[in-house]
Amino acid sequence: MAWRISFTPRAERDLGRIDPQNARRINRYLRDRVAPDPRALGEPLKGQLREFWRYRVGDHRILAKIEDEQLLVLVVKIGHRSEVYGGH
């Protein structure tokens, strides 16, 4: 069973700030590669961000929270690799 992908308002704003080609690439990656099994490709983060998983799409990073009870991948932040981890 495929997982649902949902975006926080912040993640939606982040995605809207990315150029359309990369935004489509990120959406396609989430739909086609993450939704079938969110733990197959991502990596769990450590330290203060340990509740989140990281996915790489080119130079962009997606931070998401995996909610097993609801079969939900909640995308909380999307950004360039140099900026995404700070200030969460």
PDB file of N, CA and C in Angstrom:
ATOM      1  N   MET A   1       0.838  -1.184   0.000  1.00  0.00           N
ATOM      2  CA  MET A   1       0.000   0.000   0.000  1.00  0.00           C
ATOM      3  C   MET A   1       0.881   1.245   0.000  1.00  0.00           C
ATOM      4  N   ALA A   2       0.581   2.183  -0.865  1.00  0.00           N
ATOM      5  CA  ALA A   2       1.367   3.416  -0.964  1.00  0.00           C
ATOM      6  C   ALA A   2       1.016   4.373   0.173  1.00  0.00           C
ATOM      7  N   TRP A   3       2.002   5.078   0.590  1.00  0.00           N
ATOM      8  CA  TRP A   3       1.833   6.074   1.631  1.00  0.00           C
ATOM      9  C   TRP A   3       1.319   7.368   1.019  1.00  0.00           C
ATOM     10  N   ARG A   4       0.627   8.156   1.821  1.00  0.00           N
ATOM     11  CA  ARG A   4       0.188   9.481   1.387  1.00  0.00           C
ATOM     12  C   ARG A   4       1.323  10.466   1.629  1.00  0.00           C
ATOM     13  N   ILE A   5       1.443  11.446   0.743  1.00  0.00           N
ATOM     14  CA  ILE A   5       2.401  12.525   0.887  1.00  0.00           C
ATOM     15  C   ILE A   5       1.609  13.797   1.173  1.00  0.00           C
ATOM     16  N   SER A   6       1.984  14.488   2.239  1.00  0.00           N
ATOM     17  CA  SER A   6       1.316  15.740   2.590  1.00  0.00           C
ATOM     18  C   SER A   6       2.380  16.790   2.894  1.00  0.00           C
ATOM     19  N   PHE A   7       2.027  18.051   2.707  1.00  0.00           N
ATOM     20  CA  PHE A   7       2.960  19.157   2.908  1.00  0.00           C
ATOM     21  C   PHE A   7       2.446  20.073   4.008  1.00  0.00           C
ATOM     22  N   THR A   8       3.340  20.515   4.884  1.00  0.00           N
ATOM     23  CA  THR A   8       2.990  21.573   5.818  1.00  0.00           C
ATOM     24  C   THR A   8       2.905  22.871   5.020  1.00  0.00           C
ATOM     25  N   PRO A   9       2.258  23.907   5.581  1.00  0.00           N
ATOM     26  CA  PRO A   9       2.234  25.198   4.873  1.00  0.00           C
ATOM     27  C   PRO A   9       3.641  25.712   4.554  1.00  0.00           C
ATOM     28  N   ARG A  10       4.577  25.502   5.464  1.00  0.00           N
ATOM     29  CA  ARG A  10       5.953  25.937   5.220  1.00  0.00           C
ATOM     30  C   ARG A  10       6.558  25.212   4.018  1.00  0.00           C
ATOM     31  N   ALA A  11       6.351  23.892   3.946  1.00  0.00           N
ATOM     32  CA  ALA A  11       6.896  23.110   2.840  1.00  0.00           C
ATOM     33  C   ALA A  11       6.261  23.535   1.514  1.00  0.00           C
ATOM     34  N   GLU A  12       4.968  23.870   1.531  1.00  0.00           N
ATOM     35  CA  GLU A  12       4.317  24.355   0.315  1.00  0.00           C
ATOM     36  C   GLU A  12       4.943  25.672  -0.141  1.00  0.00           C
ATOM     37  N   ARG A  13       5.228  26.569   0.808  1.00  0.00           N
ATOM     38  CA  ARG A  13       5.891  27.833   0.456  1.00  0.00           C
ATOM     39  C   ARG A  13       7.291  27.563  -0.097  1.00  0.00           C
ATOM     40  N   ASP A  14       8.010  26.655   0.581  1.00  0.00           N
ATOM     41  CA  ASP A  14       9.355  26.312   0.113  1.00  0.00           C
ATOM     42  C   ASP A  14       9.322  25.808  -1.323  1.00  0.00           C
ATOM     43  N   LEU A  15       8.387  24.920  -1.616  1.00  0.00           N
ATOM     44  CA  LEU A  15       8.275  24.346  -2.957  1.00  0.00           C
ATOM     45  C   LEU A  15       7.920  25.425  -3.978  1.00  0.00           C
ATOM     46  N   GLY A  16       7.082  26.379  -3.579  1.00  0.00           N
ATOM     47  CA  GLY A  16       6.698  27.463  -4.470  1.00  0.00           C
ATOM     48  C   GLY A  16       7.844  28.391  -4.816  1.00  0.00           C
ATOM     49  N   ARG A  17       8.876  28.422  -3.995  1.00  0.00           N
ATOM     50  CA  ARG A  17      10.031  29.289  -4.232  1.00  0.00           C
ATOM     51  C   ARG A  17      11.087  28.635  -5.129  1.00  0.00           C
ATOM     52  N   ILE A  18      10.923  27.354  -5.378  1.00  0.00           N
ATOM     53  CA  ILE A  18      11.876  26.617  -6.212  1.00  0.00           C
ATOM     54  C   ILE A  18      11.438  26.745  -7.668  1.00  0.00           C
ATOM     55  N   ASP A  19      12.391  26.789  -8.574  1.00  0.00           N
ATOM     56  CA  ASP A  19      12.036  26.922  -9.988  1.00  0.00           C
ATOM     57  C   ASP A  19      11.120  25.764 -10.407  1.00  0.00           C
ATOM     58  N   PRO A  20      10.225  26.008 -11.360  1.00  0.00           N
ATOM     59  CA  PRO A  20       9.206  25.005 -11.716  1.00  0.00           C
ATOM     60  C   PRO A  20       9.768  23.637 -12.119  1.00  0.00           C
ATOM     61  N   GLN A  21      10.874  23.610 -12.820  1.00  0.00           N
ATOM     62  CA  GLN A  21      11.437  22.330 -13.253  1.00  0.00           C
ATOM     63  C   GLN A  21      11.865  21.492 -12.044  1.00  0.00           C
ATOM     64  N   ASN A  22      12.554  22.086 -11.097  1.00  0.00           N
ATOM     65  CA  ASN A  22      12.969  21.348  -9.913  1.00  0.00           C
ATOM     66  C   ASN A  22      11.795  21.017  -9.013  1.00  0.00           C
ATOM     67  N   ALA A  23      10.788  21.885  -8.952  1.00  0.00           N
ATOM     68  CA  ALA A  23       9.596  21.607  -8.154  1.00  0.00           C
ATOM     69  C   ALA A  23       8.877  20.368  -8.711  1.00  0.00           C
ATOM     70  N   ARG A  24       8.761  20.271 -10.024  1.00  0.00           N
ATOM     71  CA  ARG A  24       8.143  19.084 -10.634  1.00  0.00           C
ATOM     72  C   ARG A  24       8.975  17.843 -10.344  1.00  0.00           C
ATOM     73  N   ARG A  25      10.280  17.984 -10.410  1.00  0.00           N
ATOM     74  CA  ARG A  25      11.177  16.852 -10.125  1.00  0.00           C
ATOM     75  C   ARG A  25      10.998  16.365  -8.673  1.00  0.00           C
ATOM     76  N   ILE A  26      10.880  17.298  -7.741  1.00  0.00           N
ATOM     77  CA  ILE A  26      10.674  16.942  -6.335  1.00  0.00           C
ATOM     78  C   ILE A  26       9.329  16.253  -6.148  1.00  0.00           C
ATOM     79  N   ASN A  27       8.272  16.803  -6.737  1.00  0.00           N
ATOM     80  CA  ASN A  27       6.948  16.179  -6.626  1.00  0.00           C
ATOM     81  C   ASN A  27       6.944  14.772  -7.217  1.00  0.00           C
ATOM     82  N   ARG A  28       7.567  14.615  -8.355  1.00  0.00           N
ATOM     83  CA  ARG A  28       7.637  13.299  -9.004  1.00  0.00           C
ATOM     84  C   ARG A  28       8.418  12.306  -8.135  1.00  0.00           C
ATOM     85  N   TYR A  29       9.513  12.753  -7.554  1.00  0.00           N
ATOM     86  CA  TYR A  29      10.321  11.913  -6.679  1.00  0.00           C
ATOM     87  C   TYR A  29       9.494  11.446  -5.471  1.00  0.00           C
ATOM     88  N   LEU A  30       8.777  12.379  -4.855  1.00  0.00           N
ATOM     89  CA  LEU A  30       7.960  12.008  -3.697  1.00  0.00           C
ATOM     90  C   LEU A  30       6.871  11.006  -4.087  1.00  0.00           C
ATOM     91  N   ARG A  31       6.214  11.260  -5.187  1.00  0.00           N
ATOM     92  CA  ARG A  31       5.112  10.399  -5.632  1.00  0.00           C
ATOM     93  C   ARG A  31       5.601   9.014  -6.081  1.00  0.00           C
ATOM     94  N   ASP A  32       6.635   8.995  -6.883  1.00  0.00           N
ATOM     95  CA  ASP A  32       7.058   7.740  -7.508  1.00  0.00           C
ATOM     96  C   ASP A  32       8.052   6.927  -6.692  1.00  0.00           C
ATOM     97  N   ARG A  33       8.888   7.582  -5.901  1.00  0.00           N
ATOM     98  CA  ARG A  33       9.961   6.862  -5.216  1.00  0.00           C
ATOM     99  C   ARG A  33       9.771   6.778  -3.706  1.00  0.00           C
ATOM    100  N   VAL A  34       9.219   7.832  -3.087  1.00  0.00           N
ATOM    101  CA  VAL A  34       9.065   7.834  -1.632  1.00  0.00           C
ATOM    102  C   VAL A  34       7.759   7.163  -1.212  1.00  0.00           C
ATOM    103  N   ALA A  35       6.665   7.461  -1.881  1.00  0.00           N
ATOM    104  CA  ALA A  35       5.358   6.952  -1.471  1.00  0.00           C
ATOM    105  C   ALA A  35       5.289   5.426  -1.370  1.00  0.00           C
ATOM    106  N   PRO A  36       5.913   4.668  -2.251  1.00  0.00           N
ATOM    107  CA  PRO A  36       5.826   3.216  -2.109  1.00  0.00           C
ATOM    108  C   PRO A  36       6.485   2.688  -0.820  1.00  0.00           C
ATOM    109  N   ASP A  37       7.603   3.257  -0.406  1.00  0.00           N
ATOM    110  CA  ASP A  37       8.297   2.828   0.807  1.00  0.00           C
ATOM    111  C   ASP A  37       9.214   3.956   1.280  1.00  0.00           C
ATOM    112  N   PRO A  38       8.744   4.796   2.202  1.00  0.00           N
ATOM    113  CA  PRO A  38       9.500   5.988   2.577  1.00  0.00           C
ATOM    114  C   PRO A  38      10.847   5.725   3.258  1.00  0.00           C
ATOM    115  N   ARG A  39      11.059   4.535   3.750  1.00  0.00           N
ATOM    116  CA  ARG A  39      12.333   4.248   4.419  1.00  0.00           C
ATOM    117  C   ARG A  39      13.368   3.603   3.481  1.00  0.00           C
ATOM    118  N   ALA A  40      12.981   3.310   2.263  1.00  0.00           N
ATOM    119  CA  ALA A  40      13.889   2.643   1.330  1.00  0.00           C
ATOM    120  C   ALA A  40      14.988   3.578   0.817  1.00  0.00           C
ATOM    121  N   LEU A  41      14.684   4.857   0.631  1.00  0.00           N
ATOM    122  CA  LEU A  41      15.645   5.776   0.021  1.00  0.00           C
ATOM    123  C   LEU A  41      16.183   6.839   0.963  1.00  0.00           C
ATOM    124  N   GLY A  42      15.403   7.257   1.901  1.00  0.00           N
ATOM    125  CA  GLY A  42      15.809   8.354   2.774  1.00  0.00           C
ATOM    126  C   GLY A  42      16.762   7.896   3.865  1.00  0.00           C
ATOM    127  N   GLU A  43      17.188   8.871   4.641  1.00  0.00           N
ATOM    128  CA  GLU A  43      18.044   8.589   5.791  1.00  0.00           C
ATOM    129  C   GLU A  43      17.477   9.302   7.005  1.00  0.00           C
ATOM    130  N   PRO A  44      17.454   8.632   8.149  1.00  0.00           N
ATOM    131  CA  PRO A  44      17.011   9.337   9.361  1.00  0.00           C
ATOM    132  C   PRO A  44      18.088  10.334   9.788  1.00  0.00           C
ATOM    133  N   LEU A  45      17.647  11.474  10.268  1.00  0.00           N
ATOM    134  CA  LEU A  45      18.594  12.471  10.737  1.00  0.00           C
ATOM    135  C   LEU A  45      18.977  12.172  12.177  1.00  0.00           C
ATOM    136  N   LYS A  46      19.984  12.863  12.667  1.00  0.00           N
ATOM    137  CA  LYS A  46      20.483  12.643  14.022  1.00  0.00           C
ATOM    138  C   LYS A  46      20.403  13.933  14.814  1.00  0.00           C
ATOM    139  N   GLY A  47      20.641  13.828  16.090  1.00  0.00           N
ATOM    140  CA  GLY A  47      20.660  15.012  16.944  1.00  0.00           C
ATOM    141  C   GLY A  47      19.283  15.596  17.137  1.00  0.00           C
ATOM    142  N   GLN A  48      19.190  16.911  17.119  1.00  0.00           N
ATOM    143  CA  GLN A  48      17.918  17.595  17.360  1.00  0.00           C
ATOM    144  C   GLN A  48      16.888  17.314  16.284  1.00  0.00           C
ATOM    145  N   LEU A  49      17.318  16.922  15.111  1.00  0.00           N
ATOM    146  CA  LEU A  49      16.384  16.658  14.000  1.00  0.00           C
ATOM    147  C   LEU A  49      16.082  15.173  13.838  1.00  0.00           C
ATOM    148  N   ARG A  50      16.328  14.366  14.856  1.00  0.00           N
ATOM    149  CA  ARG A  50      16.218  12.912  14.716  1.00  0.00           C
ATOM    150  C   ARG A  50      14.810  12.401  14.410  1.00  0.00           C
ATOM    151  N   GLU A  51      13.795  13.216  14.596  1.00  0.00           N
ATOM    152  CA  GLU A  51      12.443  12.776  14.266  1.00  0.00           C
ATOM    153  C   GLU A  51      12.148  12.866  12.757  1.00  0.00           C
ATOM    154  N   PHE A  52      13.087  13.433  11.998  1.00  0.00           N
ATOM    155  CA  PHE A  52      12.879  13.647  10.569  1.00  0.00           C
ATOM    156  C   PHE A  52      13.737  12.720   9.710  1.00  0.00           C
ATOM    157  N   TRP A  53      13.261  12.534   8.487  1.00  0.00           N
ATOM    158  CA  TRP A  53      14.010  11.808   7.462  1.00  0.00           C
ATOM    159  C   TRP A  53      14.418  12.795   6.391  1.00  0.00           C
ATOM    160  N   ARG A  54      15.535  12.517   5.730  1.00  0.00           N
ATOM    161  CA  ARG A  54      16.063  13.372   4.684  1.00  0.00           C
ATOM    162  C   ARG A  54      16.017  12.630   3.350  1.00  0.00           C
ATOM    163  N   TYR A  55      15.583  13.345   2.345  1.00  0.00           N
ATOM    164  CA  TYR A  55      15.611  12.821   0.980  1.00  0.00           C
ATOM    165  C   TYR A  55      16.384  13.809   0.123  1.00  0.00           C
ATOM    166  N   ARG A  56      17.193  13.285  -0.786  1.00  0.00           N
ATOM    167  CA  ARG A  56      18.000  14.117  -1.675  1.00  0.00           C
ATOM    168  C   ARG A  56      17.423  14.094  -3.080  1.00  0.00           C
ATOM    169  N   VAL A  57      17.242  15.271  -3.644  1.00  0.00           N
ATOM    170  CA  VAL A  57      16.811  15.415  -5.033  1.00  0.00           C
ATOM    171  C   VAL A  57      17.712  16.482  -5.642  1.00  0.00           C
ATOM    172  N   GLY A  58      18.756  16.040  -6.310  1.00  0.00           N
ATOM    173  CA  GLY A  58      19.735  16.981  -6.855  1.00  0.00           C
ATOM    174  C   GLY A  58      20.375  17.768  -5.725  1.00  0.00           C
ATOM    175  N   ASP A  59      20.363  19.087  -5.834  1.00  0.00           N
ATOM    176  CA  ASP A  59      20.928  19.951  -4.800  1.00  0.00           C
ATOM    177  C   ASP A  59      19.916  20.306  -3.708  1.00  0.00           C
ATOM    178  N   HIS A  60      18.712  19.780  -3.827  1.00  0.00           N
ATOM    179  CA  HIS A  60      17.674  20.079  -2.841  1.00  0.00           C
ATOM    180  C   HIS A  60      17.522  18.937  -1.843  1.00  0.00           C
ATOM    181  N   ARG A  61      17.089  19.314  -0.643  1.00  0.00           N
ATOM    182  CA  ARG A  61      16.832  18.340   0.403  1.00  0.00           C
ATOM    183  C   ARG A  61      15.389  18.489   0.864  1.00  0.00           C
ATOM    184  N   ILE A  62      14.794  17.360   1.171  1.00  0.00           N
ATOM    185  CA  ILE A  62      13.429  17.316   1.665  1.00  0.00           C
ATOM    186  C   ILE A  62      13.496  16.753   3.075  1.00  0.00           C
ATOM    187  N   LEU A  63      12.956  17.480   4.038  1.00  0.00           N
ATOM    188  CA  LEU A  63      12.853  16.965   5.399  1.00  0.00           C
ATOM    189  C   LEU A  63      11.409  16.548   5.620  1.00  0.00           C
ATOM    190  N   ALA A  64      11.230  15.331   6.094  1.00  0.00           N
ATOM    191  CA  ALA A  64       9.881  14.802   6.266  1.00  0.00           C
ATOM    192  C   ALA A  64       9.781  14.012   7.561  1.00  0.00           C
ATOM    193  N   LYS A  65       8.578  13.932   8.055  1.00  0.00           N
ATOM    194  CA  LYS A  65       8.284  13.140   9.237  1.00  0.00           C
ATOM    195  C   LYS A  65       7.426  11.962   8.773  1.00  0.00           C
ATOM    196  N   ILE A  66       7.836  10.765   9.137  1.00  0.00           N
ATOM    197  CA  ILE A  66       7.099   9.567   8.742  1.00  0.00           C
ATOM    198  C   ILE A  66       6.145   9.196   9.872  1.00  0.00           C
ATOM    199  N   GLU A  67       4.856   9.168   9.574  1.00  0.00           N
ATOM    200  CA  GLU A  67       3.835   8.853  10.570  1.00  0.00           C
ATOM    201  C   GLU A  67       3.244   7.487  10.228  1.00  0.00           C
ATOM    202  N   ASP A  68       3.788   6.450  10.875  1.00  0.00           N
ATOM    203  CA  ASP A  68       3.411   5.068  10.573  1.00  0.00           C
ATOM    204  C   ASP A  68       1.930   4.789  10.770  1.00  0.00           C
ATOM    205  N   GLU A  69       1.349   5.330  11.840  1.00  0.00           N
ATOM    206  CA  GLU A  69      -0.057   5.029  12.151  1.00  0.00           C
ATOM    207  C   GLU A  69      -1.004   5.463  11.037  1.00  0.00           C
ATOM    208  N   GLN A  70      -0.634   6.517  10.329  1.00  0.00           N
ATOM    209  CA  GLN A  70      -1.507   7.069   9.287  1.00  0.00           C
ATOM    210  C   GLN A  70      -1.002   6.783   7.878  1.00  0.00           C
ATOM    211  N   LEU A  71       0.099   6.039   7.758  1.00  0.00           N
ATOM    212  CA  LEU A  71       0.736   5.820   6.451  1.00  0.00           C
ATOM    213  C   LEU A  71       0.909   7.159   5.734  1.00  0.00           C
ATOM    214  N   LEU A  72       1.538   8.105   6.458  1.00  0.00           N
ATOM    215  CA  LEU A  72       1.683   9.466   5.974  1.00  0.00           C
ATOM    216  C   LEU A  72       3.145   9.893   6.021  1.00  0.00           C
ATOM    217  N   VAL A  73       3.596  10.520   4.941  1.00  0.00           N
ATOM    218  CA  VAL A  73       4.897  11.179   4.912  1.00  0.00           C
ATOM    219  C   VAL A  73       4.583  12.670   4.887  1.00  0.00           C
ATOM    220  N   LEU A  74       4.883  13.344   6.005  1.00  0.00           N
ATOM    221  CA  LEU A  74       4.593  14.765   6.134  1.00  0.00           C
ATOM    222  C   LEU A  74       5.858  15.560   5.813  1.00  0.00           C
ATOM    223  N   VAL A  75       5.854  16.236   4.685  1.00  0.00           N
ATOM    224  CA  VAL A  75       6.994  17.047   4.256  1.00  0.00           C
ATOM    225  C   VAL A  75       6.926  18.352   5.041  1.00  0.00           C
ATOM    226  N   VAL A  76       8.007  18.652   5.787  1.00  0.00           N
ATOM    227  CA  VAL A  76       8.001  19.836   6.642  1.00  0.00           C
ATOM    228  C   VAL A  76       8.889  20.955   6.116  1.00  0.00           C
ATOM    229  N   LYS A  77       9.891  20.626   5.299  1.00  0.00           N
ATOM    230  CA  LYS A  77      10.791  21.656   4.786  1.00  0.00           C
ATOM    231  C   LYS A  77      11.464  21.163   3.513  1.00  0.00           C
ATOM    232  N   ILE A  78      11.625  22.071   2.560  1.00  0.00           N
ATOM    233  CA  ILE A  78      12.318  21.774   1.307  1.00  0.00           C
ATOM    234  C   ILE A  78      13.257  22.941   1.032  1.00  0.00           C
ATOM    235  N   GLY A  79      14.487  22.632   0.669  1.00  0.00           N
ATOM    236  CA  GLY A  79      15.396  23.723   0.366  1.00  0.00           C
ATOM    237  C   GLY A  79      16.701  23.232  -0.216  1.00  0.00           C
ATOM    238  N   HIS A  80      17.523  24.197  -0.586  1.00  0.00           N
ATOM    239  CA  HIS A  80      18.849  23.891  -1.101  1.00  0.00           C
ATOM    240  C   HIS A  80      19.659  23.231   0.005  1.00  0.00           C
ATOM    241  N   ARG A  81      20.527  22.340  -0.355  1.00  0.00           N
ATOM    242  CA  ARG A  81      21.290  21.576   0.621  1.00  0.00           C
ATOM    243  C   ARG A  81      22.084  22.452   1.580  1.00  0.00           C
ATOM    244  N   SER A  82      22.476  23.642   1.146  1.00  0.00           N
ATOM    245  CA  SER A  82      23.286  24.528   1.999  1.00  0.00           C
ATOM    246  C   SER A  82      22.436  25.266   3.029  1.00  0.00           C
ATOM    247  N   GLU A  83      21.109  25.222   2.883  1.00  0.00           N
ATOM    248  CA  GLU A  83      20.246  26.023   3.752  1.00  0.00           C
ATOM    249  C   GLU A  83      19.223  25.226   4.556  1.00  0.00           C
ATOM    250  N   VAL A  84      18.937  24.014   4.173  1.00  0.00           N
ATOM    251  CA  VAL A  84      17.755  23.339   4.703  1.00  0.00           C
ATOM    252  C   VAL A  84      17.855  22.913   6.163  1.00  0.00           C
ATOM    253  N   TYR A  85      19.029  22.618   6.665  1.00  0.00           N
ATOM    254  CA  TYR A  85      19.133  22.070   8.015  1.00  0.00           C
ATOM    255  C   TYR A  85      19.128  23.119   9.118  1.00  0.00           C
ATOM    256  N   GLY A  86      19.472  24.324   8.815  1.00  0.00           N
ATOM    257  CA  GLY A  86      19.523  25.357   9.841  1.00  0.00           C
ATOM    258  C   GLY A  86      18.158  25.970  10.116  1.00  0.00           C
ATOM    259  N   GLY A  87      17.955  26.371  11.341  1.00  0.00           N
ATOM    260  CA  GLY A  87      16.757  27.136  11.704  1.00  0.00           C
ATOM    261  C   GLY A  87      15.450  26.422  11.603  1.00  0.00           C
ATOM    262  N   HIS A  88      15.436  25.108  11.823  1.00  0.00           N
ATOM    263  CA  HIS A  88      14.163  24.425  11.746  1.00  0.00           C
ATOM    264  C   HIS A  88      13.349  24.684  12.975  1.00  0.00           C
TER     265      HIS A  88
END
